[in-house]
Each structure stands twice: as structure tokens, then as C-alpha cells.
């Protein structure tokens, strides 16, 4: 994925939560743009998965796809 494509997904209005899929089969949920910091060059992203205090370092060129995810409905709990 190009840095511009990834940046566009983070800046979408309205923002649509998505799941990042990497070539090594890992995936990370991005429920809000504040869970990602993209370095100025756009080549590297720091992704903080919900519920964790540590960031995952992601090479943006290794992103295979972004899949929209739906947040849980109000008043329900996630499994």
C-alpha cells in the first residue's frame, strides 16, 4: 500500500474504523485515527491496538489491505 493511500484512510471524513492486514498475516484494528501515528515520510506507522499500551511498528508497504470494521452497537459488549 502506498503512504498516500494509507494517509487517505486515516483522514477520511467521516472516519471509518478499519483493520490493517499485513503480508505476515498479522492484523490490527484501528477504531479511531488517534490509534495510529504515521511518520512524515509515510513509510512507517506506529499502531497502538485497543487495550494495549505498546505500539506495533508497521512498514506501510507491507500492508496488504484495509478492511472496514463495524464498532459494537451502543449498549452491547464486544466478545
Protein backbone atom coordinates (compact mmCIF):
# COMPACT_ATOMS: atom_id res chain seq x y z
CA UNK A 1 0.00 0.00 0.00
CA UNK A 2 1.27 3.47 -0.71
CA UNK A 3 1.70 6.02 2.08
CA UNK A 4 -0.82 8.30 0.35
CA UNK A 5 -3.49 5.58 0.28
CA UNK A 6 -2.96 4.84 3.97
CA UNK A 7 -2.94 8.54 4.88
CA UNK A 8 -6.24 9.00 3.00
CA UNK A 9 -7.86 6.22 5.03
CA UNK A 10 -6.74 7.88 8.27
CA UNK A 11 -8.06 11.28 7.14
CA UNK A 12 -11.41 10.08 5.75
CA UNK A 13 -14.42 12.17 6.77
CA UNK A 14 -16.34 10.60 8.30
CA UNK A 15 -13.66 8.23 9.56
CA UNK A 16 -14.46 4.55 9.03
CA UNK A 17 -12.78 2.18 11.52
CA UNK A 18 -10.68 -0.44 9.74
CA UNK A 19 -8.50 -3.50 10.22
CA UNK A 20 -4.96 -3.47 8.82
CA UNK A 21 -3.89 -6.77 7.21
CA UNK A 22 -0.14 -7.33 6.76
CA UNK A 23 1.76 -9.71 4.49
CA UNK A 24 2.83 -11.78 7.52
CA UNK A 25 -0.86 -12.50 8.36
CA UNK A 26 -0.96 -10.15 11.38
CA UNK A 27 -3.83 -7.70 11.67
CA UNK A 28 -4.53 -4.63 13.80
CA UNK A 29 -7.78 -2.79 14.43
CA UNK A 30 -7.85 0.99 14.08
CA UNK A 31 -11.07 2.23 15.74
CA UNK A 32 -10.02 5.89 15.52
CA UNK A 33 -7.19 7.76 13.73
CA UNK A 34 -5.61 8.59 17.10
CA UNK A 35 -4.56 4.93 17.38
CA UNK A 36 -2.03 5.48 14.55
CA UNK A 37 0.94 7.78 14.17
CA UNK A 38 2.28 7.98 10.64
CA UNK A 39 5.83 9.31 10.34
CA UNK A 40 6.19 12.31 7.97
CA UNK A 41 7.59 10.20 5.11
CA UNK A 42 4.55 7.91 5.40
CA UNK A 43 6.68 4.79 5.19
CA UNK A 44 6.32 3.74 8.84
CA UNK A 45 3.28 3.76 11.10
CA UNK A 46 3.06 3.21 14.83
CA UNK A 47 -0.20 1.40 15.59
CA UNK A 48 -1.48 1.03 19.16
CA UNK A 49 -4.06 -1.77 19.21
CA UNK A 50 -7.03 -1.07 21.51
CA UNK A 51 -6.38 -2.30 25.04
CA UNK A 52 -2.60 -2.39 24.71
CA UNK A 53 -0.04 0.12 25.95
CA UNK A 54 2.65 -0.70 23.40
CA UNK A 55 2.81 0.33 19.76
CA UNK A 56 3.39 -2.02 16.86
CA UNK A 57 5.76 -0.65 14.22
CA UNK A 58 4.33 -1.26 10.75
CA UNK A 59 6.07 -0.81 7.40
CA UNK A 60 3.23 0.70 5.34
CA UNK A 61 4.49 -1.00 2.16
CA UNK A 62 3.73 -4.37 3.83
CA UNK A 63 0.02 -3.59 4.27
CA UNK A 64 -1.95 -5.95 2.05
CA UNK A 65 -5.41 -4.49 2.67
CA UNK A 66 -7.62 -2.41 4.91
CA UNK A 67 -10.95 -3.93 5.90
CA UNK A 68 -13.74 -1.73 7.28
CA UNK A 69 -14.90 -2.85 10.73
CA UNK A 70 -18.12 -2.03 12.48
CA UNK A 71 -17.92 -0.85 16.07
CA UNK A 72 -20.22 -2.69 18.54
CA UNK A 73 -23.71 -1.22 18.76
CA UNK A 74 -24.37 1.09 21.70
CA UNK A 75 -25.32 -0.81 24.83
CA UNK A 76 -23.68 -4.08 23.74
CA UNK A 77 -20.40 -5.59 24.79
CA UNK A 78 -17.72 -6.80 22.43
CA UNK A 79 -16.96 -10.53 22.60
